[in-house]
C-alpha atoms as a PDB file:
ATOM      1  CA  SER A   1      24.077  31.517 -50.175  1.00  0.00           C
ATOM      2  CA  ARG A   2      23.876  28.071 -51.318  1.00  0.00           C
ATOM      3  CA  THR A   3      21.457  26.902 -48.572  1.00  0.00           C
ATOM      4  CA  GLY A   4      19.368  30.223 -48.509  1.00  0.00           C
ATOM      5  CA  ARG A   5      20.255  31.149 -45.596  1.00  0.00           C
ATOM      6  CA  THR A   6      21.009  34.777 -44.669  1.00  0.00           C
ATOM      7  CA  PRO A   7      22.584  35.707 -41.674  1.00  0.00           C
ATOM      8  CA  GLY A   8      19.893  36.099 -39.586  1.00  0.00           C
ATOM      9  CA  THR A   9      18.276  32.714 -40.414  1.00  0.00           C
ATOM     10  CA  ALA A  10      21.463  30.725 -39.410  1.00  0.00           C
ATOM     11  CA  HIS A  11      21.503  33.053 -35.672  1.00  0.00           C
ATOM     12  CA  ASP A  12      17.826  31.079 -35.703  1.00  0.00           C
ATOM     13  CA  GLY A  13      19.851  27.841 -36.172  1.00  0.00           C
ATOM     14  CA  GLN A  14      22.146  28.701 -33.624  1.00  0.00           C
ATOM     15  CA  THR A  15      19.370  29.625 -30.711  1.00  0.00           C
ATOM     16  CA  GLY A  16      17.859  26.119 -31.709  1.00  0.00           C
ATOM     17  CA  ASN A  17      21.135  24.553 -30.755  1.00  0.00           C
ATOM     18  CA  GLU A  18      21.817  25.647 -27.653  1.00  0.00           C
ATOM     19  CA  ALA A  19      18.164  25.078 -26.376  1.00  0.00           C
ATOM     20  CA  LEU A  20      18.806  21.869 -27.470  1.00  0.00           C
ATOM     21  CA  VAL A  21      21.736  21.343 -25.555  1.00  0.00           C
ATOM     22  CA  GLN A  22      20.168  23.532 -22.685  1.00  0.00           C
ATOM     23  CA  TYR A  23      17.406  20.373 -22.960  1.00  0.00           C
ATOM     24  CA  ALA A  24      19.834  17.808 -23.182  1.00  0.00           C
ATOM     25  CA  ALA A  25      21.757  19.004 -20.853  1.00  0.00           C
ATOM     26  CA  LEU A  26      18.505  19.256 -18.327  1.00  0.00           C
ATOM     27  CA  GLY A  27      17.729  15.712 -19.059  1.00  0.00           C
ATOM     28  CA  VAL A  28      20.926  14.285 -18.114  1.00  0.00           C
ATOM     29  CA  LEU A  29      21.072  16.605 -15.081  1.00  0.00           C
ATOM     30  CA  GLY A  30      17.608  14.461 -14.137  1.00  0.00           C
ATOM     31  CA  LEU A  31      18.446  11.022 -14.778  1.00  0.00           C
ATOM     32  CA  ILE A  32      21.858  11.679 -12.423  1.00  0.00           C
ATOM     33  CA  ALA A  33      19.370  13.148  -9.984  1.00  0.00           C
ATOM     34  CA  LEU A  34      17.120  10.427 -10.095  1.00  0.00           C
ATOM     35  CA  LYS A  35      20.043   7.553  -9.728  1.00  0.00           C
ATOM     36  CA  VAL A  36      21.347   9.634  -6.517  1.00  0.00           C
ATOM     37  CA  LEU A  37      17.647   9.472  -4.992  1.00  0.00           C
ATOM     38  CA  PHE A  38      17.004   5.733  -5.948  1.00  0.00           C
ATOM     39  CA  SER A  39      20.646   4.984  -3.955  1.00  0.00           C
ATOM     40  CA  ILE A  40      19.679   7.140  -0.749  1.00  0.00           C
ATOM     41  CA  ILE A  41      15.788   4.889  -0.699  1.00  0.00           C
ATOM     42  CA  ASN A  42      17.648   1.880  -1.403  1.00  0.00           C
ATOM     43  CA  PHE A  43      20.378   2.404   1.061  1.00  0.00           C
ATOM     44  CA  LEU A  44      17.584   3.414   3.654  1.00  0.00           C
ATOM     45  CA  SER A  45      15.416   0.150   3.288  1.00  0.00           C
ATOM     46  CA  ILE A  46      18.837  -2.518   3.451  1.00  0.00           C
ATOM     47  CA  LEU A  47      19.542  -0.446   6.544  1.00  0.00           C
ATOM     48  CA  LEU A  48      15.870  -0.042   8.245  1.00  0.00           C
ATOM     49  CA  LEU A  49      15.023  -3.769   6.775  1.00  0.00           C
ATOM     50  CA  PRO A  50      16.239  -5.061  10.463  1.00  0.00           C
ATOM     51  CA  PHE A  51      13.988  -2.815  12.180  1.00  0.00           C
ATOM     52  CA  ILE A  52      11.153  -3.593  10.393  1.00  0.00           C
ATOM     53  CA  TYR A  53      11.403  -7.239  10.703  1.00  0.00           C
ATOM     54  CA  LEU A  54      11.932  -6.819  14.606  1.00  0.00           C
ATOM     55  CA  TYR A  55       8.951  -4.868  14.641  1.00  0.00           C
ATOM     56  CA  MET A  56       6.978  -7.089  12.178  1.00  0.00           C
ATOM     57  CA  ALA A  57       8.185 -10.436  14.711  1.00  0.00           C
ATOM     58  CA  SER A  58       6.951  -8.665  17.777  1.00  0.00           C
ATOM     59  CA  ASN A  59       3.561  -7.694  16.233  1.00  0.00           C
ATOM     60  CA  CYS A  60       2.842 -10.823  14.928  1.00  0.00           C
ATOM     61  CA  PRO A  61      -0.267 -13.553  16.363  1.00  0.00           C
ATOM     62  CA  GLU A  62       0.509 -16.705  18.060  1.00  0.00           C
ATOM     63  CA  ILE A  63      -0.229 -19.503  16.162  1.00  0.00           C
ATOM     64  CA  ASN A  64      -2.086 -20.799  18.422  1.00  0.00           C
ATOM     65  CA  SER A  65      -4.457 -17.841  19.079  1.00  0.00           C
ATOM     66  CA  PHE A  66      -6.109 -18.468  15.200  1.00  0.00           C
ATOM     67  CA  ASP A  67      -9.138 -20.546  15.039  1.00  0.00           C
ATOM     68  CA  ALA A  68      -9.503 -22.333  11.335  1.00  0.00           C
ATOM     69  CA  LYS A  69     -13.293 -23.549  12.591  1.00  0.00           C
ATOM     70  CA  ARG A  70     -14.766 -19.784  13.730  1.00  0.00           C
ATOM     71  CA  GLU A  71     -12.487 -18.163  10.550  1.00  0.00           C
ATOM     72  CA  LEU A  72     -13.949 -20.465   7.859  1.00  0.00           C
ATOM     73  CA  LYS A  73     -17.579 -19.761   9.185  1.00  0.00           C
ATOM     74  CA  ARG A  74     -16.830 -16.092   9.240  1.00  0.00           C
ATOM     75  CA  VAL A  75     -16.016 -16.416   5.730  1.00  0.00           C
ATOM     76  CA  LEU A  76     -18.600 -18.272   4.249  1.00  0.00           C
ATOM     77  CA  ARG A  77     -20.813 -16.145   5.750  1.00  0.00           C
ATOM     78  CA  GLY A  78     -19.319 -13.314   3.809  1.00  0.00           C
ATOM     79  CA  ALA A  79     -18.146 -11.148   7.251  1.00  0.00           C
ATOM     80  CA  HIS A  80     -15.425 -10.082   5.177  1.00  0.00           C
ATOM     81  CA  LEU A  81     -17.140  -8.247   2.239  1.00  0.00           C
ATOM     82  CA  PRO A  82     -17.994  -4.587   1.647  1.00  0.00           C
ATOM     83  CA  GLU A  83     -21.268  -3.185   2.278  1.00  0.00           C
ATOM     84  CA  GLU A  84     -22.763  -3.503  -0.874  1.00  0.00           C
ATOM     85  CA  ASN A  85     -21.910  -7.400  -1.594  1.00  0.00           C
ATOM     86  CA  GLN A  86     -22.859  -8.143   2.219  1.00  0.00           C
ATOM     87  CA  PRO A  87     -26.166 -11.339   2.083  1.00  0.00           C
ATOM     88  CA  LYS A  88     -28.857  -9.165   1.041  1.00  0.00           C
ATOM     89  CA  GLY A  89     -32.005 -10.406   3.217  1.00  0.00           C
ATOM     90  CA  PHE A  90     -33.460 -13.321   5.700  1.00  0.00           C
ATOM     91  CA  PHE A  91     -33.108 -15.932   3.060  1.00  0.00           C
ATOM     92  CA  GLU A  92     -29.710 -15.189   1.201  1.00  0.00           C
ATOM     93  CA  SER A  93     -28.314 -15.266   4.669  1.00  0.00           C
ATOM     94  CA  GLY A  94     -29.846 -17.767   6.294  1.00  0.00           C
ATOM     95  CA  LEU A  95     -28.844 -20.066   3.587  1.00  0.00           C
ATOM     96  CA  ASN A  96     -24.838 -18.928   4.105  1.00  0.00           C
ATOM     97  CA  ARG A  97     -25.299 -20.137   7.945  1.00  0.00           C
ATOM     98  CA  ILE A  98     -26.233 -23.165   6.542  1.00  0.00           C
ATOM     99  CA  ALA A  99     -23.285 -23.337   4.498  1.00  0.00           C
ATOM    100  CA  ALA A 100     -21.014 -22.402   6.844  1.00  0.00           C
END
């Protein structure tokens, strides 16, 4: 033959094509499954959005319960920082209290 293929090697090319078609079909099915999954998630998020808003509105603290001066002192003293970044020693914490 002109291409150098024997009947045995031509059969191998067909199985390779069949595997390629199978992978392509699996890829398309995977994309369809992802589209359906994201559609369901989108629908549920739109459906649950009013309930989430009502929950957040009912659990929100009142505005007059916020004391800006107290919160500013707390932040300047470093109370919000993780344990490894807390002011170390008497001198550093004392300077933070004076700055607050």
